[in-house]
Protein backbone atom coordinates (compact mmCIF):
# COMPACT_ATOMS: atom_id res chain seq x y z
CA MET A 1 -3.63 -67.66 63.12
CA LEU A 2 -1.41 -70.89 62.99
CA ARG A 3 -4.29 -73.05 61.70
CA GLY A 4 -5.16 -70.59 59.41
CA PHE A 5 -1.59 -70.74 57.98
CA ARG A 6 -1.44 -74.84 58.13
CA ASN A 7 -4.75 -74.60 56.13
CA PHE A 8 -3.23 -72.56 53.36
CA LEU A 9 -0.31 -74.80 53.18
CA MET A 10 -2.53 -77.97 52.92
CA GLN A 11 -4.45 -76.92 50.07
CA GLY A 12 -4.25 -79.43 47.25
CA GLU A 13 -3.03 -77.07 44.45
CA LEU A 14 -0.18 -75.66 46.79
CA ILE A 15 1.09 -78.99 47.54
CA VAL A 16 0.89 -80.16 43.83
CA ILE A 17 3.09 -76.92 42.97
CA ALA A 18 5.49 -77.49 45.65
CA VAL A 19 6.01 -81.19 44.61
CA GLY A 20 6.63 -79.76 41.08
CA PHE A 21 8.90 -77.32 42.05
CA VAL A 22 11.19 -79.81 43.97
CA VAL A 23 11.11 -82.26 41.25
CA ALA A 24 12.00 -79.49 38.98
CA LEU A 25 15.20 -78.51 40.77
CA ALA A 26 16.21 -82.02 41.16
CA PHE A 27 15.96 -82.72 37.36
CA SER A 28 17.51 -79.38 36.73
CA THR A 29 20.47 -80.70 38.62
CA LEU A 30 20.65 -83.90 37.03
CA ILE A 31 20.38 -82.18 33.54
CA LEU A 32 22.93 -79.62 34.40
CA SER A 33 25.28 -82.44 35.38
CA PHE A 34 24.73 -84.28 32.14
CA THR A 35 25.21 -81.26 29.92
CA THR A 36 28.32 -80.24 31.91
CA ASN A 37 30.00 -83.45 31.80
CA ILE A 38 28.85 -84.91 28.70
CA ILE A 39 27.33 -82.58 26.20
CA THR A 40 29.77 -79.57 26.61
CA PRO A 41 32.98 -81.88 25.96
CA LEU A 42 31.23 -83.53 22.97
CA VAL A 43 30.47 -80.33 21.81
CA ASN A 44 34.10 -79.11 22.17
CA ALA A 45 35.57 -82.10 20.86
CA ALA A 46 33.37 -82.05 17.57
CA GLY A 47 34.65 -78.39 17.31
CA GLY A 48 38.23 -79.44 17.68
CA GLY A 49 38.92 -77.56 20.74
CA SER A 50 41.72 -78.92 22.97
CA GLY A 51 40.88 -80.23 26.50
CA GLY A 52 40.54 -76.97 28.40
CA LYS A 53 39.96 -74.55 25.70
CA GLY A 54 37.10 -75.86 24.07
CA LEU A 55 34.90 -74.63 21.06
CA GLY A 56 34.94 -70.65 21.00
CA TRP A 57 37.50 -67.88 20.49
CA THR A 58 39.59 -65.45 22.36
CA ILE A 59 39.35 -61.92 21.72
CA ASN A 60 41.73 -59.49 23.49
CA GLY A 61 42.28 -61.88 26.03
CA GLN A 62 38.62 -62.67 26.75
CA ARG A 63 37.13 -66.07 25.99
CA ILE A 64 34.06 -66.36 24.14
CA ASP A 65 33.02 -70.00 24.78
CA LEU A 66 30.62 -71.23 22.07
CA GLY A 67 30.75 -74.72 23.57
CA ALA A 68 29.18 -73.59 26.89
CA PHE A 69 26.51 -71.73 25.10
CA ILE A 70 25.53 -74.54 22.88
CA SER A 71 25.49 -76.85 25.97
CA ALA A 72 23.31 -74.21 27.83
CA ILE A 73 20.67 -74.34 24.90
CA ILE A 74 20.80 -78.14 24.97
CA TYR A 75 20.31 -77.81 28.67
CA PHE A 76 17.16 -75.68 28.48
CA ILE A 77 15.42 -77.77 25.76
CA ILE A 78 16.09 -81.16 27.79
CA PHE A 79 15.07 -79.40 31.00
CA MET A 80 11.86 -77.95 29.29
CA ALA A 81 10.98 -81.18 27.98
CA VAL A 82 11.41 -82.86 31.11
CA ILE A 83 9.04 -80.63 33.10
CA TYR A 84 6.47 -80.68 30.49
CA PHE A 85 6.30 -84.85 30.12
CA LEU A 86 6.78 -85.20 33.63
CA ILE A 87 4.83 -82.45 35.51
CA VAL A 88 2.64 -80.59 33.04
CA VAL A 89 1.19 -83.54 31.23
CA PRO A 90 0.25 -85.54 34.32
CA TYR A 91 -0.89 -82.55 36.22
CA ARG A 92 -3.32 -81.77 33.41
CA ALA A 93 -4.59 -85.33 33.31
CA TYR A 94 -4.91 -85.15 37.11
CA MET A 95 -7.19 -81.72 36.91
CA ARG A 96 -9.21 -83.10 33.98
CA ARG A 97 -10.06 -86.08 36.26
CA ARG A 98 -11.35 -83.65 38.63
CA GLY A 99 -13.41 -81.68 36.35
CA THR A 100 -11.36 -78.70 35.74
CA THR A 101 -9.09 -77.50 32.56
CA ALA A 102 -5.36 -76.87 33.52
CA PHE A 103 -2.93 -75.34 31.22
CA GLY A 104 -5.52 -75.20 28.09
CA ALA A 105 -6.61 -72.32 25.96
CA PRO A 106 -8.92 -69.86 27.33
CA ALA A 107 -12.62 -69.66 26.37
CA ALA A 108 -13.41 -67.69 23.66
CA THR A 109 -14.55 -64.19 24.43
CA ARG A 110 -16.51 -61.25 22.82
CA VAL A 111 -16.63 -57.38 22.76
CA CYS A 112 -19.82 -55.62 24.71
CA PRO A 113 -21.44 -53.53 22.72
CA GLU A 114 -22.16 -51.06 25.61
CA CYS A 115 -18.99 -50.73 27.61
CA LYS A 116 -16.60 -52.07 25.19
CA SER A 117 -15.08 -54.72 27.30
CA ALA A 118 -13.17 -57.24 25.60
CA ASP A 119 -13.45 -60.29 28.09
CA VAL A 120 -17.28 -61.29 27.97
CA PRO A 121 -17.54 -64.82 27.58
CA ASP A 122 -19.23 -66.24 24.34
CA ASP A 123 -22.29 -67.61 25.72
CA ALA A 124 -23.21 -64.69 28.44
CA THR A 125 -26.18 -63.14 28.11
CA LYS A 126 -25.32 -60.25 30.54
CA CYS A 127 -22.09 -58.36 30.59
CA ARG A 128 -20.53 -58.87 33.76
CA HIS A 129 -18.99 -55.35 33.85
CA CYS A 130 -22.10 -53.04 32.87
CA ALA A 131 -24.86 -55.47 33.15
CA SER A 132 -26.27 -54.96 29.76
CA GLN A 133 -28.36 -57.55 28.14
CA LEU A 134 -26.36 -59.34 25.39
CA ALA A 135 -27.97 -60.91 22.32
CA ALA A 136 -27.50 -64.59 21.99
CA VAL A 137 -24.50 -65.93 19.81
CA SER A 138 -25.62 -68.08 16.93
CA GLY A 139 -23.35 -71.12 15.73
CA GLY A 140 -21.07 -70.94 18.75
CA GLY A 141 -18.76 -67.72 17.85
CA GLY A 142 -21.04 -64.94 16.08
CA LYS A 143 -19.80 -61.32 15.08
CA GLY A 144 -17.23 -59.88 17.37
CA ALA A 145 -16.03 -63.36 18.83
CA THR A 146 -12.59 -63.50 19.29
CA GLU A 147 -10.08 -66.38 20.14
CA ARG A 148 -7.14 -65.89 22.72
C-alpha cells in the first residue's frame, strides 16, 4: 500500500503541479506585500487621503475602503500575470517537448447523426458512443463541425 502511494506521489505531472503550487504561494505572499505596502499607500495618496484613512468613504460609521479594493484588483492582475508567465508558459513548452499539448484549445468536434453525441472528434470514422460508421469529413471541418 505504501509503495502504491509513493508511486502516485512520484508521478511527473503531480510533482510539477505541487512545485507550481508552492511557487504560486510564494509569489502570492510577495505580491501581497508589494500591493499592501506600496500600491495601497500610493492609491490612497493619489486620492488625497490622510495617513490612516485612505481613499474611501465612511457611511453610518462603516468604512468603504476604495484604496484596498483597487489594491486587490492590482494584486490579482499582477498575480495572474506572474503565474501565467512563470508557470503556465514554461509548463506548456515542457509538455510540447514531451509531445503533448497542455492548456491548448481542444480538438474540433462534430455531432453524431445517430446518437446526437456532440463530442465526436472531426477525424473519427466511428462514433465512440453508439459505434455507428461516420462519413469522412472533407476539408478539415465539414457540415456540423463545431469548435469549442
